PDB file of N, CA and C in Angstrom:
ATOM      1  N   MET A   1       1.510  26.528  -5.461  1.00  0.00           N
ATOM      2  CA  MET A   1       2.829  26.044  -5.105  1.00  0.00           C
ATOM      3  C   MET A   1       2.985  24.629  -5.651  1.00  0.00           C
ATOM      4  N   GLY A   2       4.154  24.313  -6.201  1.00  0.00           N
ATOM      5  CA  GLY A   2       4.392  23.014  -6.815  1.00  0.00           C
ATOM      6  C   GLY A   2       4.676  21.929  -5.791  1.00  0.00           C
ATOM      7  N   ARG A   3       4.799  20.740  -6.312  1.00  0.00           N
ATOM      8  CA  ARG A   3       5.102  19.591  -5.455  1.00  0.00           C
ATOM      9  C   ARG A   3       6.522  19.677  -4.930  1.00  0.00           C
ATOM     10  N   SER A   4       6.720  19.111  -3.766  1.00  0.00           N
ATOM     11  CA  SER A   4       8.071  19.018  -3.231  1.00  0.00           C
ATOM     12  C   SER A   4       8.817  17.923  -3.988  1.00  0.00           C
ATOM     13  N   ILE A   5      10.112  17.931  -3.869  1.00  0.00           N
ATOM     14  CA  ILE A   5      10.944  16.929  -4.551  1.00  0.00           C
ATOM     15  C   ILE A   5      10.586  15.528  -4.059  1.00  0.00           C
ATOM     16  N   ILE A   6      10.411  15.390  -2.761  1.00  0.00           N
ATOM     17  CA  ILE A   6      10.077  14.076  -2.185  1.00  0.00           C
ATOM     18  C   ILE A   6       8.713  13.618  -2.681  1.00  0.00           C
ATOM     19  N   GLU A   7       7.754  14.520  -2.714  1.00  0.00           N
ATOM     20  CA  GLU A   7       6.422  14.176  -3.212  1.00  0.00           C
ATOM     21  C   GLU A   7       6.489  13.727  -4.674  1.00  0.00           C
ATOM     22  N   ASN A   8       7.294  14.411  -5.486  1.00  0.00           N
ATOM     23  CA  ASN A   8       7.466  14.010  -6.894  1.00  0.00           C
ATOM     24  C   ASN A   8       8.082  12.623  -7.009  1.00  0.00           C
ATOM     25  N   LYS A   9       9.095  12.361  -6.189  1.00  0.00           N
ATOM     26  CA  LYS A   9       9.743  11.044  -6.223  1.00  0.00           C
ATOM     27  C   LYS A   9       8.761   9.941  -5.844  1.00  0.00           C
ATOM     28  N   ILE A  10       7.958  10.183  -4.816  1.00  0.00           N
ATOM     29  CA  ILE A  10       6.980   9.180  -4.386  1.00  0.00           C
ATOM     30  C   ILE A  10       5.915   8.998  -5.457  1.00  0.00           C
ATOM     31  N   ALA A  11       5.423  10.100  -6.030  1.00  0.00           N
ATOM     32  CA  ALA A  11       4.405  10.015  -7.079  1.00  0.00           C
ATOM     33  C   ALA A  11       4.926   9.227  -8.272  1.00  0.00           C
ATOM     34  N   ASN A  12       6.181   9.428  -8.637  1.00  0.00           N
ATOM     35  CA  ASN A  12       6.775   8.659  -9.738  1.00  0.00           C
ATOM     36  C   ASN A  12       6.930   7.197  -9.376  1.00  0.00           C
ATOM     37  N   ALA A  13       7.288   6.917  -8.122  1.00  0.00           N
ATOM     38  CA  ALA A  13       7.430   5.526  -7.676  1.00  0.00           C
ATOM     39  C   ALA A  13       6.078   4.816  -7.701  1.00  0.00           C
ATOM     40  N   LEU A  14       5.006   5.538  -7.396  1.00  0.00           N
ATOM     41  CA  LEU A  14       3.669   4.937  -7.400  1.00  0.00           C
ATOM     42  C   LEU A  14       3.281   4.445  -8.789  1.00  0.00           C
ATOM     43  N   LYS A  15       3.758   5.111  -9.814  1.00  0.00           N
ATOM     44  CA  LYS A  15       3.414   4.723 -11.197  1.00  0.00           C
ATOM     45  C   LYS A  15       3.898   3.320 -11.528  1.00  0.00           C
ATOM     46  N   SER A  16       4.947   2.870 -10.842  1.00  0.00           N
ATOM     47  CA  SER A  16       5.480   1.529 -11.117  1.00  0.00           C
ATOM     48  C   SER A  16       4.815   0.455 -10.255  1.00  0.00           C
ATOM     49  N   LEU A  17       3.953   0.864  -9.324  1.00  0.00           N
ATOM     50  CA  LEU A  17       3.276  -0.088  -8.441  1.00  0.00           C
ATOM     51  C   LEU A  17       1.894  -0.423  -8.970  1.00  0.00           C
ATOM     52  N   PRO A  18       1.434  -1.632  -8.719  1.00  0.00           N
ATOM     53  CA  PRO A  18       0.065  -1.964  -9.134  1.00  0.00           C
ATOM     54  C   PRO A  18      -0.956  -1.240  -8.273  1.00  0.00           C
ATOM     55  N   GLU A  19      -2.063  -0.854  -8.892  1.00  0.00           N
ATOM     56  CA  GLU A  19      -3.142  -0.248  -8.113  1.00  0.00           C
ATOM     57  C   GLU A  19      -3.640  -1.290  -7.121  1.00  0.00           C
ATOM     58  N   GLY A  20      -3.988  -0.838  -5.941  1.00  0.00           N
ATOM     59  CA  GLY A  20      -4.409  -1.756  -4.886  1.00  0.00           C
ATOM     60  C   GLY A  20      -3.280  -2.083  -3.931  1.00  0.00           C
ATOM     61  N   SER A  21      -2.110  -1.455  -4.128  1.00  0.00           N
ATOM     62  CA  SER A  21      -0.967  -1.707  -3.252  1.00  0.00           C
ATOM     63  C   SER A  21      -1.164  -1.038  -1.898  1.00  0.00           C
ATOM     64  N   VAL A  22      -0.801  -1.750  -0.848  1.00  0.00           N
ATOM     65  CA  VAL A  22      -0.805  -1.202   0.504  1.00  0.00           C
ATOM     66  C   VAL A  22       0.616  -0.723   0.782  1.00  0.00           C
ATOM     67  N   LEU A  23       0.726   0.535   1.208  1.00  0.00           N
ATOM     68  CA  LEU A  23       2.033   1.165   1.363  1.00  0.00           C
ATOM     69  C   LEU A  23       2.224   1.686   2.774  1.00  0.00           C
ATOM     70  N   PHE A  24       3.480   1.751   3.178  1.00  0.00           N
ATOM     71  CA  PHE A  24       3.846   2.251   4.493  1.00  0.00           C
ATOM     72  C   PHE A  24       4.858   3.369   4.338  1.00  0.00           C
ATOM     73  N   VAL A  25       4.955   4.214   5.342  1.00  0.00           N
ATOM     74  CA  VAL A  25       5.949   5.287   5.329  1.00  0.00           C
ATOM     75  C   VAL A  25       7.334   4.690   5.102  1.00  0.00           C
ATOM     76  N   ASP A  26       7.603   3.558   5.744  1.00  0.00           N
ATOM     77  CA  ASP A  26       8.919   2.906   5.621  1.00  0.00           C
ATOM     78  C   ASP A  26       9.277   2.550   4.190  1.00  0.00           C
ATOM     79  N   ASP A  27       8.287   2.380   3.320  1.00  0.00           N
ATOM     80  CA  ASP A  27       8.561   2.031   1.929  1.00  0.00           C
ATOM     81  C   ASP A  27       9.258   3.150   1.169  1.00  0.00           C
ATOM     82  N   PHE A  28       9.204   4.371   1.692  1.00  0.00           N
ATOM     83  CA  PHE A  28       9.727   5.522   0.961  1.00  0.00           C
ATOM     84  C   PHE A  28      10.819   6.270   1.713  1.00  0.00           C
ATOM     85  N   LEU A  29      11.412   5.655   2.708  1.00  0.00           N
ATOM     86  CA  LEU A  29      12.434   6.339   3.496  1.00  0.00           C
ATOM     87  C   LEU A  29      13.712   6.601   2.716  1.00  0.00           C
ATOM     88  N   ASP A  30      13.873   5.974   1.555  1.00  0.00           N
ATOM     89  CA  ASP A  30      15.028   6.270   0.695  1.00  0.00           C
ATOM     90  C   ASP A  30      14.933   7.683   0.107  1.00  0.00           C
ATOM     91  N   TYR A  31      13.729   8.261   0.118  1.00  0.00           N
ATOM     92  CA  TYR A  31      13.499   9.567  -0.501  1.00  0.00           C
ATOM     93  C   TYR A  31      13.648  10.735   0.473  1.00  0.00           C
ATOM     94  N   GLY A  32      13.680  10.472   1.763  1.00  0.00           N
ATOM     95  CA  GLY A  32      13.801  11.562   2.725  1.00  0.00           C
ATOM     96  C   GLY A  32      13.625  11.078   4.143  1.00  0.00           C
ATOM     97  N   THR A  33      13.549  12.033   5.045  1.00  0.00           N
ATOM     98  CA  THR A  33      13.370  11.714   6.468  1.00  0.00           C
ATOM     99  C   THR A  33      11.950  11.188   6.691  1.00  0.00           C
ATOM    100  N   PRO A  34      11.734  10.464   7.778  1.00  0.00           N
ATOM    101  CA  PRO A  34      10.378   9.967   8.043  1.00  0.00           C
ATOM    102  C   PRO A  34       9.328  11.084   8.054  1.00  0.00           C
ATOM    103  N   GLU A  35       9.674  12.217   8.638  1.00  0.00           N
ATOM    104  CA  GLU A  35       8.716  13.329   8.718  1.00  0.00           C
ATOM    105  C   GLU A  35       8.396  13.903   7.336  1.00  0.00           C
ATOM    106  N   SER A  36       9.417  14.067   6.496  1.00  0.00           N
ATOM    107  CA  SER A  36       9.162  14.622   5.155  1.00  0.00           C
ATOM    108  C   SER A  36       8.389  13.636   4.284  1.00  0.00           C
ATOM    109  N   VAL A  37       8.638  12.339   4.454  1.00  0.00           N
ATOM    110  CA  VAL A  37       7.892  11.325   3.710  1.00  0.00           C
ATOM    111  C   VAL A  37       6.432  11.324   4.163  1.00  0.00           C
ATOM    112  N   LYS A  38       6.194  11.426   5.473  1.00  0.00           N
ATOM    113  CA  LYS A  38       4.823  11.476   5.989  1.00  0.00           C
ATOM    114  C   LYS A  38       4.065  12.660   5.402  1.00  0.00           C
ATOM    115  N   LYS A  39       4.715  13.824   5.352  1.00  0.00           N
ATOM    116  CA  LYS A  39       4.067  15.017   4.801  1.00  0.00           C
ATOM    117  C   LYS A  39       3.768  14.842   3.323  1.00  0.00           C
ATOM    118  N   ALA A  40       4.700  14.241   2.586  1.00  0.00           N
ATOM    119  CA  ALA A  40       4.484  14.017   1.157  1.00  0.00           C
ATOM    120  C   ALA A  40       3.326  13.045   0.932  1.00  0.00           C
ATOM    121  N   LEU A  41       3.265  11.995   1.735  1.00  0.00           N
ATOM    122  CA  LEU A  41       2.164  11.034   1.604  1.00  0.00           C
ATOM    123  C   LEU A  41       0.819  11.682   1.946  1.00  0.00           C
ATOM    124  N   LEU A  42       0.800  12.531   2.954  1.00  0.00           N
ATOM    125  CA  LEU A  42      -0.437  13.234   3.303  1.00  0.00           C
ATOM    126  C   LEU A  42      -0.878  14.175   2.174  1.00  0.00           C
ATOM    127  N   ARG A  43       0.085  14.820   1.516  1.00  0.00           N
ATOM    128  CA  ARG A  43      -0.271  15.692   0.383  1.00  0.00           C
ATOM    129  C   ARG A  43      -0.834  14.859  -0.771  1.00  0.00           C
ATOM    130  N   LEU A  44      -0.258  13.693  -1.010  1.00  0.00           N
ATOM    131  CA  LEU A  44      -0.780  12.814  -2.065  1.00  0.00           C
ATOM    132  C   LEU A  44      -2.170  12.303  -1.696  1.00  0.00           C
ATOM    133  N   LYS A  45      -2.422  12.121  -0.413  1.00  0.00           N
ATOM    134  CA  LYS A  45      -3.761  11.744   0.048  1.00  0.00           C
ATOM    135  C   LYS A  45      -4.745  12.874  -0.216  1.00  0.00           C
ATOM    136  N   GLU A  46      -4.344  14.096   0.079  1.00  0.00           N
ATOM    137  CA  GLU A  46      -5.205  15.255  -0.149  1.00  0.00           C
ATOM    138  C   GLU A  46      -5.538  15.424  -1.635  1.00  0.00           C
ATOM    139  N   LYS A  47      -4.624  14.998  -2.498  1.00  0.00           N
ATOM    140  CA  LYS A  47      -4.844  15.068  -3.948  1.00  0.00           C
ATOM    141  C   LYS A  47      -5.585  13.838  -4.468  1.00  0.00           C
ATOM    142  N   GLU A  48      -5.988  12.962  -3.532  1.00  0.00           N
ATOM    143  CA  GLU A  48      -6.735  11.743  -3.829  1.00  0.00           C
ATOM    144  C   GLU A  48      -5.983  10.773  -4.741  1.00  0.00           C
ATOM    145  N   ILE A  49      -4.668  10.746  -4.572  1.00  0.00           N
ATOM    146  CA  ILE A  49      -3.831   9.755  -5.250  1.00  0.00           C
ATOM    147  C   ILE A  49      -3.695   8.532  -4.348  1.00  0.00           C
ATOM    148  N   LEU A  50      -3.659   8.786  -3.044  1.00  0.00           N
ATOM    149  CA  LEU A  50      -3.585   7.727  -2.031  1.00  0.00           C
ATOM    150  C   LEU A  50      -4.767   7.849  -1.087  1.00  0.00           C
ATOM    151  N   MET A  51      -5.066   6.762  -0.398  1.00  0.00           N
ATOM    152  CA  MET A  51      -6.070   6.772   0.656  1.00  0.00           C
ATOM    153  C   MET A  51      -5.358   6.359   1.940  1.00  0.00           C
ATOM    154  N   ARG A  52      -5.609   7.075   3.016  1.00  0.00           N
ATOM    155  CA  ARG A  52      -5.006   6.729   4.300  1.00  0.00           C
ATOM    156  C   ARG A  52      -5.892   5.708   4.993  1.00  0.00           C
ATOM    157  N   LEU A  53      -5.335   4.537   5.249  1.00  0.00           N
ATOM    158  CA  LEU A  53      -6.075   3.474   5.925  1.00  0.00           C
ATOM    159  C   LEU A  53      -5.952   3.593   7.436  1.00  0.00           C
ATOM    160  N   ALA A  54      -4.772   3.973   7.894  1.00  0.00           N
ATOM    161  CA  ALA A  54      -4.486   4.147   9.314  1.00  0.00           C
ATOM    162  C   ALA A  54      -3.203   4.960   9.409  1.00  0.00           C
ATOM    163  N   HIS A  55      -2.788   5.261  10.620  1.00  0.00           N
ATOM    164  CA  HIS A  55      -1.579   6.048  10.814  1.00  0.00           C
ATOM    165  C   HIS A  55      -0.389   5.374  10.124  1.00  0.00           C
ATOM    166  N   GLY A  56       0.190   6.045   9.123  1.00  0.00           N
ATOM    167  CA  GLY A  56       1.362   5.530   8.421  1.00  0.00           C
ATOM    168  C   GLY A  56       1.080   4.436   7.411  1.00  0.00           C
ATOM    169  N   ILE A  57      -0.190   4.152   7.133  1.00  0.00           N
ATOM    170  CA  ILE A  57      -0.562   3.085   6.194  1.00  0.00           C
ATOM    171  C   ILE A  57      -1.462   3.687   5.120  1.00  0.00           C
ATOM    172  N   TYR A  58      -1.068   3.495   3.866  1.00  0.00           N
ATOM    173  CA  TYR A  58      -1.789   4.100   2.755  1.00  0.00           C
ATOM    174  C   TYR A  58      -2.147   3.055   1.710  1.00  0.00           C
ATOM    175  N   LEU A  59      -3.160   3.369   0.931  1.00  0.00           N
ATOM    176  CA  LEU A  59      -3.605   2.500  -0.146  1.00  0.00           C
ATOM    177  C   LEU A  59      -3.495   3.263  -1.449  1.00  0.00           C
ATOM    178  N   TYR A  60      -2.751   2.700  -2.398  1.00  0.00           N
ATOM    179  CA  TYR A  60      -2.733   3.235  -3.762  1.00  0.00           C
ATOM    180  C   TYR A  60      -3.918   2.566  -4.431  1.00  0.00           C
ATOM    181  N   PHE A  61      -5.066   3.226  -4.356  1.00  0.00           N
ATOM    182  CA  PHE A  61      -6.328   2.567  -4.652  1.00  0.00           C
ATOM    183  C   PHE A  61      -6.630   2.447  -6.138  1.00  0.00           C
ATOM    184  N   LYS A  62      -7.505   1.515  -6.384  1.00  0.00           N
ATOM    185  CA  LYS A  62      -7.996   1.214  -7.716  1.00  0.00           C
ATOM    186  C   LYS A  62      -9.447   1.671  -7.744  1.00  0.00           C
ATOM    187  N   THR A  63      -9.859   2.307  -8.825  1.00  0.00           N
ATOM    188  CA  THR A  63     -11.245   2.755  -8.921  1.00  0.00           C
ATOM    189  C   THR A  63     -11.931   2.107 -10.113  1.00  0.00           C
ATOM    190  N   GLU A  64     -13.181   1.876  -9.954  1.00  0.00           N
ATOM    191  CA  GLU A  64     -14.038   1.352 -11.013  1.00  0.00           C
ATOM    192  C   GLU A  64     -15.209   2.313 -11.166  1.00  0.00           C
ATOM    193  N   LYS A  65     -15.760   2.389 -12.355  1.00  0.00           N
ATOM    194  CA  LYS A  65     -16.872   3.313 -12.597  1.00  0.00           C
ATOM    195  C   LYS A  65     -18.061   3.028 -11.694  1.00  0.00           C
ATOM    196  N   GLY A  66     -18.513   1.791 -11.632  1.00  0.00           N
ATOM    197  CA  GLY A  66     -19.707   1.453 -10.860  1.00  0.00           C
ATOM    198  C   GLY A  66     -19.489   1.499  -9.362  1.00  0.00           C
ATOM    199  N   PRO A  67     -18.669   0.574  -8.816  1.00  0.00           N
ATOM    200  CA  PRO A  67     -18.576   0.474  -7.357  1.00  0.00           C
ATOM    201  C   PRO A  67     -17.693   1.534  -6.702  1.00  0.00           C
ATOM    202  N   GLY A  68     -16.894   2.241  -7.452  1.00  0.00           N
ATOM    203  CA  GLY A  68     -15.995   3.241  -6.857  1.00  0.00           C
ATOM    204  C   GLY A  68     -14.655   2.629  -6.503  1.00  0.00           C
ATOM    205  N   ILE A  69     -14.206   2.838  -5.282  1.00  0.00           N
ATOM    206  CA  ILE A  69     -12.893   2.353  -4.841  1.00  0.00           C
ATOM    207  C   ILE A  69     -12.965   0.860  -4.559  1.00  0.00           C
ATOM    208  N   LEU A  70     -12.025   0.127  -5.133  1.00  0.00           N
ATOM    209  CA  LEU A  70     -11.917  -1.306  -4.869  1.00  0.00           C
ATOM    210  C   LEU A  70     -10.782  -1.521  -3.877  1.00  0.00           C
ATOM    211  N   PHE A  71     -11.104  -2.104  -2.752  1.00  0.00           N
ATOM    212  CA  PHE A  71     -10.092  -2.389  -1.740  1.00  0.00           C
ATOM    213  C   PHE A  71      -9.429  -3.723  -2.050  1.00  0.00           C
ATOM    214  N   PRO A  72      -8.154  -3.865  -1.686  1.00  0.00           N
ATOM    215  CA  PRO A  72      -7.462  -5.133  -1.943  1.00  0.00           C
ATOM    216  C   PRO A  72      -8.015  -6.241  -1.052  1.00  0.00           C
ATOM    217  N   PRO A  73      -7.842  -7.490  -1.482  1.00  0.00           N
ATOM    218  CA  PRO A  73      -8.272  -8.607  -0.632  1.00  0.00           C
ATOM    219  C   PRO A  73      -7.503  -8.603   0.695  1.00  0.00           C
ATOM    220  N   ILE A  74      -8.104  -9.162   1.713  1.00  0.00           N
ATOM    221  CA  ILE A  74      -7.494  -9.183   3.042  1.00  0.00           C
ATOM    222  C   ILE A  74      -6.143  -9.903   3.018  1.00  0.00           C
ATOM    223  N   GLU A  75      -5.992 -10.880   2.117  1.00  0.00           N
ATOM    224  CA  GLU A  75      -4.704 -11.582   2.004  1.00  0.00           C
ATOM    225  C   GLU A  75      -3.601 -10.621   1.579  1.00  0.00           C
ATOM    226  N   ASP A  76      -3.898  -9.707   0.637  1.00  0.00           N
ATOM    227  CA  ASP A  76      -2.892  -8.743   0.190  1.00  0.00           C
ATOM    228  C   ASP A  76      -2.514  -7.785   1.313  1.00  0.00           C
ATOM    229  N   ILE A  77      -3.492  -7.396   2.118  1.00  0.00           N
ATOM    230  CA  ILE A  77      -3.211  -6.505   3.239  1.00  0.00           C
ATOM    231  C   ILE A  77      -2.347  -7.216   4.270  1.00  0.00           C
ATOM    232  N   SER A  78      -2.660  -8.471   4.563  1.00  0.00           N
ATOM    233  CA  SER A  78      -1.856  -9.211   5.545  1.00  0.00           C
ATOM    234  C   SER A  78      -0.443  -9.449   5.021  1.00  0.00           C
ATOM    235  N   LYS A  79      -0.285  -9.667   3.719  1.00  0.00           N
ATOM    236  CA  LYS A  79       1.057  -9.828   3.137  1.00  0.00           C
ATOM    237  C   LYS A  79       1.851  -8.527   3.255  1.00  0.00           C
ATOM    238  N   ALA A  80       1.175  -7.387   3.094  1.00  0.00           N
ATOM    239  CA  ALA A  80       1.851  -6.098   3.233  1.00  0.00           C
ATOM    240  C   ALA A  80       2.350  -5.907   4.663  1.00  0.00           C
ATOM    241  N   PHE A  81       1.515  -6.254   5.649  1.00  0.00           N
ATOM    242  CA  PHE A  81       1.949  -6.148   7.043  1.00  0.00           C
ATOM    243  C   PHE A  81       3.089  -7.121   7.331  1.00  0.00           C
ATOM    244  N   ALA A  82       3.045  -8.286   6.745  1.00  0.00           N
ATOM    245  CA  ALA A  82       4.127  -9.254   6.931  1.00  0.00           C
ATOM    246  C   ALA A  82       5.424  -8.702   6.348  1.00  0.00           C
ATOM    247  N   ARG A  83       5.325  -8.048   5.196  1.00  0.00           N
ATOM    248  CA  ARG A  83       6.499  -7.434   4.571  1.00  0.00           C
ATOM    249  C   ARG A  83       7.067  -6.360   5.487  1.00  0.00           C
ATOM    250  N   LEU A  84       6.211  -5.552   6.078  1.00  0.00           N
ATOM    251  CA  LEU A  84       6.653  -4.492   6.983  1.00  0.00           C
ATOM    252  C   LEU A  84       7.349  -5.072   8.205  1.00  0.00           C
ATOM    253  N   ASP A  85       6.771  -6.119   8.774  1.00  0.00           N
ATOM    254  CA  ASP A  85       7.311  -6.729   9.993  1.00  0.00           C
ATOM    255  C   ASP A  85       8.363  -7.798   9.722  1.00  0.00           C
ATOM    256  N   LYS A  86       8.647  -8.035   8.422  1.00  0.00           N
ATOM    257  CA  LYS A  86       9.603  -9.083   8.027  1.00  0.00           C
ATOM    258  C   LYS A  86       9.189 -10.421   8.632  1.00  0.00           C
ATOM    259  N   ALA A  87       7.915 -10.738   8.445  1.00  0.00           N
ATOM    260  CA  ALA A  87       7.336 -11.969   8.986  1.00  0.00           C
ATOM    261  C   ALA A  87       6.721 -12.764   7.838  1.00  0.00           C
ATOM    262  N   SER A  88       6.231 -13.936   8.152  1.00  0.00           N
ATOM    263  CA  SER A  88       5.530 -14.721   7.141  1.00  0.00           C
ATOM    264  C   SER A  88       4.085 -14.906   7.584  1.00  0.00           C
ATOM    265  N   VAL A  89       3.236 -15.063   6.601  1.00  0.00           N
ATOM    266  CA  VAL A  89       1.809 -15.248   6.868  1.00  0.00           C
ATOM    267  C   VAL A  89       1.473 -16.704   6.587  1.00  0.00           C
ATOM    268  N   VAL A  90       0.910 -17.360   7.570  1.00  0.00           N
ATOM    269  CA  VAL A  90       0.526 -18.757   7.432  1.00  0.00           C
ATOM    270  C   VAL A  90      -0.995 -18.833   7.517  1.00  0.00           C
ATOM    271  N   PRO A  91      -1.638 -19.358   6.473  1.00  0.00           N
ATOM    272  CA  PRO A  91      -3.101 -19.446   6.543  1.00  0.00           C
ATOM    273  C   PRO A  91      -3.535 -20.445   7.606  1.00  0.00           C
ATOM    274  N   PRO A  92      -4.658 -20.168   8.256  1.00  0.00           N
ATOM    275  CA  PRO A  92      -5.121 -21.075   9.305  1.00  0.00           C
ATOM    276  C   PRO A  92      -5.783 -22.334   8.753  1.00  0.00           C
ATOM    277  N   GLY A  93      -5.735 -23.381   9.507  1.00  0.00           N
ATOM    278  CA  GLY A  93      -6.407 -24.661   9.317  1.00  0.00           C
ATOM    279  C   GLY A  93      -6.890 -25.033   7.939  1.00  0.00           C
ATOM    280  N   ILE A  94      -8.190 -24.882   7.694  1.00  0.00           N
ATOM    281  CA  ILE A  94      -8.808 -25.363   6.472  1.00  0.00           C
ATOM    282  C   ILE A  94      -8.303 -24.611   5.249  1.00  0.00           C
ATOM    283  N   GLN A  95      -7.955 -23.327   5.402  1.00  0.00           N
ATOM    284  CA  GLN A  95      -7.411 -22.582   4.277  1.00  0.00           C
ATOM    285  C   GLN A  95      -6.078 -23.190   3.838  1.00  0.00           C
ATOM    286  N   ALA A  96      -5.241 -23.532   4.789  1.00  0.00           N
ATOM    287  CA  ALA A  96      -3.954 -24.157   4.472  1.00  0.00           C
ATOM    288  C   ALA A  96      -4.187 -25.500   3.784  1.00  0.00           C
ATOM    289  N   PHE A  97      -5.102 -26.272   4.312  1.00  0.00           N
ATOM    290  CA  PHE A  97      -5.433 -27.581   3.730  1.00  0.00           C
ATOM    291  C   PHE A  97      -5.895 -27.408   2.286  1.00  0.00           C
ATOM    292  N   ASN A  98      -6.811 -26.464   2.044  1.00  0.00           N
ATOM    293  CA  ASN A  98      -7.308 -26.233   0.699  1.00  0.00           C
ATOM    294  C   ASN A  98      -6.217 -25.794  -0.245  1.00  0.00           C
ATOM    295  N   LYS A  99      -5.300 -24.953   0.217  1.00  0.00           N
ATOM    296  CA  LYS A  99      -4.213 -24.514  -0.656  1.00  0.00           C
ATOM    297  C   LYS A  99      -3.322 -25.683  -1.044  1.00  0.00           C
ATOM    298  N   ILE A 100      -3.081 -26.580  -0.105  1.00  0.00           N
ATOM    299  CA  ILE A 100      -2.236 -27.738  -0.398  1.00  0.00           C
ATOM    300  C   ILE A 100      -2.958 -28.678  -1.359  1.00  0.00           C
ATOM    301  N   ILE A 101      -4.215 -28.969  -1.116  1.00  0.00           N
ATOM    302  CA  ILE A 101      -4.984 -29.905  -1.928  1.00  0.00           C
ATOM    303  C   ILE A 101      -5.258 -29.347  -3.318  1.00  0.00           C
ATOM    304  N   LEU A 102      -5.565 -28.067  -3.404  1.00  0.00           N
ATOM    305  CA  LEU A 102      -5.966 -27.480  -4.685  1.00  0.00           C
ATOM    306  C   LEU A 102      -4.798 -27.002  -5.522  1.00  0.00           C
ATOM    307  N   THR A 103      -3.594 -27.036  -4.980  1.00  0.00           N
ATOM    308  CA  THR A 103      -2.425 -26.603  -5.733  1.00  0.00           C
ATOM    309  C   THR A 103      -1.963 -27.736  -6.656  1.00  0.00           C
ATOM    310  N   PRO A 104      -1.830 -27.453  -7.954  1.00  0.00           N
ATOM    311  CA  PRO A 104      -1.407 -28.524  -8.881  1.00  0.00           C
ATOM    312  C   PRO A 104       0.024 -28.968  -8.651  1.00  0.00           C
TER     313      PRO A 104
END
């Protein structure tokens, strides 16, 4: 059986995203209902195009020959959650200081 229309749309949208992107069901609600998007994402997970990190959270993963799957840095994951929640991420204490001092 072939891919559903929603699954095809999501698979095509993934091609324009960088590998290592953290994705949410909400990112694809333009393509269908929440339930149909969830099913399409689960099918893409079964085909090993996506990795499910948690309920409704997926990783368009990057692979390397030696180490296998490369996970995104924790900063990228926190930025993805901030995007979902429409919030901003502020680095704590010394990290903020270093960013200010080391920024040209």
